[in-house]
Amino acid sequence: MQQSTYDEIIEKLKAGQTVYLINEFYNRVFKIPPNWPTNYTAKKKYGGEYSIKYDTDLVLETMQEAVEITEQEYLRY
């Protein structure tokens, strides 16, 4: 896990990278595609993936905290 700033996340997305974030408080991980804003993919701990709107409070809070994880960490969650 790596603490990132909101601007760093945005720059990665603009560069065409998929970004993976974690919100440990809510036990959720997020996959944000480079074609944002769009619906993102989220997972609960030990659960399946589901679609979540980019402008929900949970997503916005997670983007502000911006704790980045790897794709492998996202898949194992």
C-alpha atoms as a PDB file:
ATOM      1  CA  MET A   1       0.000   0.000   0.000  1.00  0.00           C
ATOM      2  CA  GLN A   2       1.150   3.484  -0.779  1.00  0.00           C
ATOM      3  CA  GLN A   3      -0.289   6.804   0.302  1.00  0.00           C
ATOM      4  CA  SER A   4      -0.839   8.959  -2.777  1.00  0.00           C
ATOM      5  CA  THR A   5      -2.260  12.390  -3.306  1.00  0.00           C
ATOM      6  CA  TYR A   6      -5.418  13.039  -5.273  1.00  0.00           C
ATOM      7  CA  ASP A   7      -3.352  14.827  -7.932  1.00  0.00           C
ATOM      8  CA  GLU A   8      -1.007  11.836  -8.284  1.00  0.00           C
ATOM      9  CA  ILE A   9      -3.994   9.549  -8.837  1.00  0.00           C
ATOM     10  CA  ILE A  10      -5.447  11.894 -11.462  1.00  0.00           C
ATOM     11  CA  GLU A  11      -2.100  12.071 -13.287  1.00  0.00           C
ATOM     12  CA  LYS A  12      -1.902   8.267 -13.456  1.00  0.00           C
ATOM     13  CA  LEU A  13      -5.432   8.087 -14.831  1.00  0.00           C
ATOM     14  CA  LYS A  14      -4.652  10.767 -17.423  1.00  0.00           C
ATOM     15  CA  ALA A  15      -1.593   8.735 -18.430  1.00  0.00           C
ATOM     16  CA  GLY A  16      -3.862   5.764 -19.192  1.00  0.00           C
ATOM     17  CA  GLN A  17      -3.159   3.704 -16.079  1.00  0.00           C
ATOM     18  CA  THR A  18      -5.769   1.809 -14.089  1.00  0.00           C
ATOM     19  CA  VAL A  19      -5.567   2.774 -10.418  1.00  0.00           C
ATOM     20  CA  TYR A  20      -6.432   0.519  -7.486  1.00  0.00           C
ATOM     21  CA  LEU A  21      -7.370   2.062  -4.130  1.00  0.00           C
ATOM     22  CA  ILE A  22      -8.327   0.716  -0.724  1.00  0.00           C
ATOM     23  CA  ASN A  23     -10.617   2.129   1.929  1.00  0.00           C
ATOM     24  CA  GLU A  24      -9.786   0.062   5.011  1.00  0.00           C
ATOM     25  CA  PHE A  25     -12.436   1.728   7.159  1.00  0.00           C
ATOM     26  CA  TYR A  26     -15.225   0.404   4.911  1.00  0.00           C
ATOM     27  CA  ASN A  27     -13.359  -2.785   3.893  1.00  0.00           C
ATOM     28  CA  ARG A  28     -13.566  -1.902   0.205  1.00  0.00           C
ATOM     29  CA  VAL A  29     -11.161  -1.820  -2.705  1.00  0.00           C
ATOM     30  CA  PHE A  30     -11.716   0.052  -5.954  1.00  0.00           C
ATOM     31  CA  LYS A  31     -10.562  -0.337  -9.536  1.00  0.00           C
ATOM     32  CA  ILE A  32     -10.610   2.985 -11.375  1.00  0.00           C
ATOM     33  CA  PRO A  33     -10.188   2.758 -15.150  1.00  0.00           C
ATOM     34  CA  PRO A  34      -8.293   5.404 -17.112  1.00  0.00           C
ATOM     35  CA  ASN A  35     -11.496   6.504 -18.920  1.00  0.00           C
ATOM     36  CA  TRP A  36     -12.871   8.083 -15.723  1.00  0.00           C
ATOM     37  CA  PRO A  37     -15.224   9.506 -14.703  1.00  0.00           C
ATOM     38  CA  THR A  38     -17.368   6.484 -15.207  1.00  0.00           C
ATOM     39  CA  ASN A  39     -18.676   3.729 -13.038  1.00  0.00           C
ATOM     40  CA  TYR A  40     -15.895   2.079 -11.087  1.00  0.00           C
ATOM     41  CA  THR A  41     -15.552  -1.473  -9.871  1.00  0.00           C
ATOM     42  CA  ALA A  42     -15.501  -2.153  -6.142  1.00  0.00           C
ATOM     43  CA  LYS A  43     -15.163  -5.205  -3.921  1.00  0.00           C
ATOM     44  CA  LYS A  44     -16.020  -5.908  -0.320  1.00  0.00           C
ATOM     45  CA  LYS A  45     -13.497  -7.936   1.626  1.00  0.00           C
ATOM     46  CA  TYR A  46     -13.861 -11.573   0.523  1.00  0.00           C
ATOM     47  CA  GLY A  47     -16.736 -10.579  -1.754  1.00  0.00           C
ATOM     48  CA  GLY A  48     -17.422 -10.234  -5.427  1.00  0.00           C
ATOM     49  CA  GLU A  49     -17.039  -7.207  -7.633  1.00  0.00           C
ATOM     50  CA  TYR A  50     -19.825  -4.724  -8.175  1.00  0.00           C
ATOM     51  CA  SER A  51     -20.250  -1.484 -10.101  1.00  0.00           C
ATOM     52  CA  ILE A  52     -20.316   1.796  -8.172  1.00  0.00           C
ATOM     53  CA  LYS A  53     -20.935   5.316  -9.445  1.00  0.00           C
ATOM     54  CA  TYR A  54     -17.904   7.566  -9.478  1.00  0.00           C
ATOM     55  CA  ASP A  55     -19.631  10.353  -7.545  1.00  0.00           C
ATOM     56  CA  THR A  56     -20.788   8.442  -4.462  1.00  0.00           C
ATOM     57  CA  ASP A  57     -19.604   9.596  -1.045  1.00  0.00           C
ATOM     58  CA  LEU A  58     -17.684   6.339  -0.559  1.00  0.00           C
ATOM     59  CA  VAL A  59     -15.719   6.806  -3.789  1.00  0.00           C
ATOM     60  CA  LEU A  60     -15.048  10.488  -3.151  1.00  0.00           C
ATOM     61  CA  GLU A  61     -13.827   9.778   0.379  1.00  0.00           C
ATOM     62  CA  THR A  62     -11.583   7.000  -0.895  1.00  0.00           C
ATOM     63  CA  MET A  63     -10.118   9.268  -3.579  1.00  0.00           C
ATOM     64  CA  GLN A  64      -9.320  11.915  -0.946  1.00  0.00           C
ATOM     65  CA  GLU A  65      -7.569   9.361   1.271  1.00  0.00           C
ATOM     66  CA  ALA A  66      -5.890   7.819  -1.812  1.00  0.00           C
ATOM     67  CA  VAL A  67      -4.215   4.711  -0.432  1.00  0.00           C
ATOM     68  CA  GLU A  68      -3.033   2.938  -3.546  1.00  0.00           C
ATOM     69  CA  ILE A  69      -2.686  -0.838  -3.826  1.00  0.00           C
ATOM     70  CA  THR A  70      -1.444  -3.148  -6.563  1.00  0.00           C
ATOM     71  CA  GLU A  71      -3.642  -5.066  -8.967  1.00  0.00           C
ATOM     72  CA  GLN A  72      -2.634  -8.278  -7.174  1.00  0.00           C
ATOM     73  CA  GLU A  73      -3.731  -6.860  -3.807  1.00  0.00           C
ATOM     74  CA  TYR A  74      -7.047  -5.847  -5.382  1.00  0.00           C
ATOM     75  CA  LEU A  75      -7.590  -9.344  -6.803  1.00  0.00           C
ATOM     76  CA  ARG A  76      -6.738 -11.052  -3.477  1.00  0.00           C
ATOM     77  CA  TYR A  77      -9.046  -8.804  -1.434  1.00  0.00           C
END
